[in-house]
């Protein structure tokens, strides 16, 4: 049975890449191949052309399926893995080199009721006393500007090693200042190892 005549204005098919070609076009707008197959006339095209059109249609379908499967896998993997875990700036460990009279600071936000615990040790020279103090945001401003007499939220009795245990009374940015208390004239540089961990006061099940 002869195939019906194409309706005027109906798109045809490219004989090379198999994409739809606008009605009346003499070339494929995608690959530039000449003589597109008119709509409804694919059955009258040569066998190689029909085979090529079927092959490209199959390939396009497989590509669409592969993309859909890939997107589905990515979405499912993202849901199962949960949100990314970002290390809290108050969970850290490292060795700091401090010139005499100088300090280093570890800072971060703490939610009221949460706490930071850790430890410090004078590495070199061993036995040198280390000073540790915790300031809130206002006290830190006074400390760095050299104005007023800033209080402290917590401080240690200087020692060569010890524990850091600080519970935040309210939500704020807190600054853990580790100082080499030796005078500049001593010329003794201190290496101190400090490790801290941010701990939430809220249990995983939502209890306190």
Protein backbone atom coordinates (compact mmCIF):
# COMPACT_ATOMS: atom_id res chain seq x y z
CA UNK A 1 0.00 0.00 0.00
CA UNK A 2 1.36 3.40 -0.95
CA UNK A 3 2.12 5.72 1.95
CA UNK A 4 -0.14 8.75 2.23
CA UNK A 5 1.05 12.07 0.86
CA UNK A 6 2.58 14.25 3.58
CA UNK A 7 0.43 17.04 4.91
CA UNK A 8 1.73 20.45 3.81
CA UNK A 9 3.72 22.01 6.63
CA UNK A 10 4.57 18.65 8.22
CA UNK A 11 8.18 18.23 9.28
CA UNK A 12 10.38 15.64 7.58
CA UNK A 13 13.42 13.64 8.71
CA UNK A 14 17.12 14.08 7.96
CA UNK A 15 18.39 11.15 5.90
CA UNK A 16 21.76 11.25 7.68
CA UNK A 17 21.30 12.07 11.39
CA UNK A 18 17.57 11.33 11.68
CA UNK A 19 16.51 14.58 13.38
CA UNK A 20 13.29 16.40 12.50
CA UNK A 21 13.63 18.85 9.60
CA UNK A 22 11.25 21.80 9.08
CA UNK A 23 8.78 21.50 6.23
CA UNK A 24 10.19 22.86 2.98
CA UNK A 25 13.82 22.74 4.18
CA UNK A 26 16.37 21.47 1.65
CA UNK A 27 19.09 20.83 4.25
CA UNK A 28 19.23 19.49 7.77
CA UNK A 29 19.62 22.39 10.24
CA UNK A 30 21.75 20.18 12.49
CA UNK A 31 24.23 18.31 10.26
CA UNK A 32 23.70 20.13 6.95
CA UNK A 33 22.90 16.97 4.98
CA UNK A 34 20.98 17.50 1.72
CA UNK A 35 17.65 16.01 0.65
CA UNK A 36 15.78 15.35 3.89
CA UNK A 37 13.13 12.65 3.74
CA UNK A 38 9.64 14.08 3.55
CA UNK A 39 7.15 13.25 6.27
CA UNK A 40 5.47 9.89 5.64
CA UNK A 41 8.03 8.95 2.98
CA UNK A 42 10.53 7.09 5.16
CA UNK A 43 9.20 3.77 3.88
CA UNK A 44 10.11 4.83 0.34
CA UNK A 45 13.69 5.76 1.23
CA UNK A 46 16.58 3.45 0.41
CA UNK A 47 17.41 0.63 2.75
CA UNK A 48 20.66 2.25 4.04
CA UNK A 49 18.81 5.48 4.80
CA UNK A 50 16.05 3.64 6.68
CA UNK A 51 18.63 1.66 8.64
CA UNK A 52 20.56 4.81 9.52
CA UNK A 53 17.41 6.63 10.66
CA UNK A 54 16.39 3.69 12.86
CA UNK A 55 19.92 3.47 14.30
CA UNK A 56 20.14 7.17 15.17
CA UNK A 57 16.65 7.08 16.71
CA UNK A 58 17.71 4.12 18.87
CA UNK A 59 20.91 5.87 19.92
CA UNK A 60 19.04 9.03 20.90
CA UNK A 61 16.61 6.96 22.95
CA UNK A 62 19.49 5.19 24.73
CA UNK A 63 21.16 8.54 25.48
CA UNK A 64 17.95 9.93 26.98
CA UNK A 65 17.53 6.79 29.11
CA UNK A 66 21.18 6.94 30.25
CA UNK A 67 20.83 10.61 31.26
CA UNK A 68 17.60 9.88 33.14
CA UNK A 69 19.20 6.94 34.97
CA UNK A 70 22.28 9.06 35.80
CA UNK A 71 20.17 11.90 37.21
CA UNK A 72 18.06 9.47 39.22
CA UNK A 73 21.18 7.83 40.67
CA UNK A 74 22.69 11.22 41.57
CA UNK A 75 19.51 12.37 43.33
CA UNK A 76 19.11 9.11 45.25
CA UNK A 77 22.78 9.13 46.28
CA UNK A 78 22.48 12.73 47.50
CA UNK A 79 19.39 11.89 49.57
CA UNK A 80 20.95 8.78 51.09
CA UNK A 81 24.26 10.46 51.90
CA UNK A 82 22.55 13.38 53.66
CA UNK A 83 23.92 16.90 53.96
CA UNK A 84 27.70 17.38 53.82
CA UNK A 85 29.48 17.34 57.14
CA UNK A 86 31.55 20.46 57.70
CA UNK A 87 34.15 20.40 60.43
CA UNK A 88 33.52 22.95 63.17
CA UNK A 89 36.37 25.49 63.49
CA UNK A 90 36.54 24.64 67.20
CA UNK A 91 37.21 20.99 66.43
CA UNK A 92 40.88 21.07 65.58
CA UNK A 93 44.34 19.82 66.48
CA UNK A 94 47.78 21.16 65.71
CA UNK A 95 51.16 22.34 66.92
CA UNK A 96 51.68 26.11 67.18
CA UNK A 97 54.96 28.01 67.34
CA UNK A 98 54.83 31.06 69.62
CA UNK A 99 57.54 33.65 70.08
CA UNK A 100 57.95 34.88 73.67
CA UNK A 101 55.02 37.07 74.65
CA UNK A 102 53.03 36.12 71.53
CA UNK A 103 49.80 34.17 71.20
CA UNK A 104 47.66 32.22 68.77
CA UNK A 105 43.88 32.02 68.72
CA UNK A 106 41.26 29.39 67.82
CA UNK A 107 37.78 30.86 67.39
CA UNK A 108 34.26 29.91 66.41
CA UNK A 109 30.61 30.17 67.30
CA UNK A 110 29.31 28.18 70.26
CA UNK A 111 25.61 27.69 70.97
CA UNK A 112 24.65 28.43 74.55
CA UNK A 113 24.87 25.23 76.59
CA UNK A 114 27.30 23.54 74.18
CA UNK A 115 30.92 23.17 75.19
CA UNK A 116 34.48 22.72 73.96
CA UNK A 117 36.89 20.30 75.53
CA UNK A 118 40.48 19.49 74.72
CA UNK A 119 44.04 19.59 75.98
CA UNK A 120 47.34 21.39 75.51
CA UNK A 121 50.98 20.31 75.93
CA UNK A 122 54.25 22.24 75.74
CA UNK A 123 56.25 20.33 73.14
CA UNK A 124 59.44 22.37 72.93
CA UNK A 125 61.04 23.21 75.21
CA UNK A 126 59.19 20.73 77.42
CA UNK A 127 58.02 21.95 80.79
CA UNK A 128 57.36 25.57 79.73
CA UNK A 129 54.12 26.87 81.20
CA UNK A 130 51.33 27.66 78.74
CA UNK A 131 48.55 30.20 79.32
CA UNK A 132 45.07 29.53 77.92
CA UNK A 133 42.14 31.97 78.17
CA UNK A 134 38.68 32.12 76.56
CA UNK A 135 37.12 35.47 75.59
CA UNK A 136 33.66 36.26 74.24
CA UNK A 137 33.29 38.64 71.29
CA UNK A 138 33.23 41.81 73.41
CA UNK A 139 36.18 40.78 75.54
CA UNK A 140 38.13 39.81 72.45
CA UNK A 141 37.58 43.27 70.98
CA UNK A 142 38.94 44.87 74.16
CA UNK A 143 41.84 42.41 74.21
CA UNK A 144 42.94 43.11 70.62
CA UNK A 145 42.40 46.88 70.84
CA UNK A 146 44.22 47.17 74.14
CA UNK A 147 41.36 49.13 75.70
CA UNK A 148 39.82 48.51 79.09
CA UNK A 149 40.48 45.46 81.22
CA UNK A 150 38.79 42.52 79.52
CA UNK A 151 37.52 39.77 81.73
CA UNK A 152 37.73 36.15 80.68
CA UNK A 153 35.10 33.46 80.31
CA UNK A 154 37.59 30.79 81.34
CA UNK A 155 41.32 30.51 81.94
CA UNK A 156 43.77 27.92 83.18
CA UNK A 157 46.44 27.97 85.82
CA UNK A 158 49.53 28.14 83.56
CA UNK A 159 51.14 24.73 83.31
CA UNK A 160 53.17 22.66 80.86
CA UNK A 161 50.09 20.61 80.04
CA UNK A 162 46.45 20.48 81.00
CA UNK A 163 42.83 20.16 79.98
CA UNK A 164 40.54 22.66 78.30
CA UNK A 165 36.90 22.44 79.39
CA UNK A 166 34.66 25.38 78.55
CA UNK A 167 30.83 25.46 78.56
CA UNK A 168 29.32 28.46 76.77
CA UNK A 169 26.82 30.31 78.98
CA UNK A 170 25.15 31.85 75.91
CA UNK A 171 25.46 31.80 72.13
CA UNK A 172 28.36 33.92 70.92
CA UNK A 173 31.68 33.80 69.10
CA UNK A 174 34.39 32.64 71.49
CA UNK A 175 38.16 32.99 71.21
CA UNK A 176 40.55 30.45 72.72
CA UNK A 177 43.85 32.30 73.18
CA UNK A 178 47.01 30.28 73.76
CA UNK A 179 49.93 32.41 74.94
CA UNK A 180 53.66 31.99 75.46
CA UNK A 181 53.89 33.91 78.78
CA UNK A 182 57.67 34.28 78.73
CA UNK A 183 58.95 37.86 78.31
CA UNK A 184 60.33 38.91 74.94
CA UNK A 185 63.78 39.30 76.51
CA UNK A 186 63.89 35.55 77.22
CA UNK A 187 64.23 34.74 73.52
CA UNK A 188 62.56 31.36 74.13
CA UNK A 189 60.13 30.25 71.43
CA UNK A 190 57.45 27.83 72.54
CA UNK A 191 55.95 24.99 70.53
CA UNK A 192 52.62 23.88 71.96
CA UNK A 193 50.26 21.15 70.82
CA UNK A 194 46.56 22.01 71.19
CA UNK A 195 43.55 19.79 70.45
CA UNK A 196 39.92 20.89 70.87
CA UNK A 197 36.55 19.32 70.15
CA UNK A 198 33.17 21.05 69.89
CA UNK A 199 30.54 19.05 71.78
CA UNK A 200 26.79 19.58 71.55
CA UNK A 201 24.79 19.42 74.76
CA UNK A 202 21.79 17.99 72.86
CA UNK A 203 21.54 14.21 72.68
CA UNK A 204 20.94 12.55 69.32
CA UNK A 205 17.42 11.54 70.36
CA UNK A 206 16.55 15.16 71.09
CA UNK A 207 16.90 14.86 74.86
CA UNK A 208 19.16 16.96 77.04
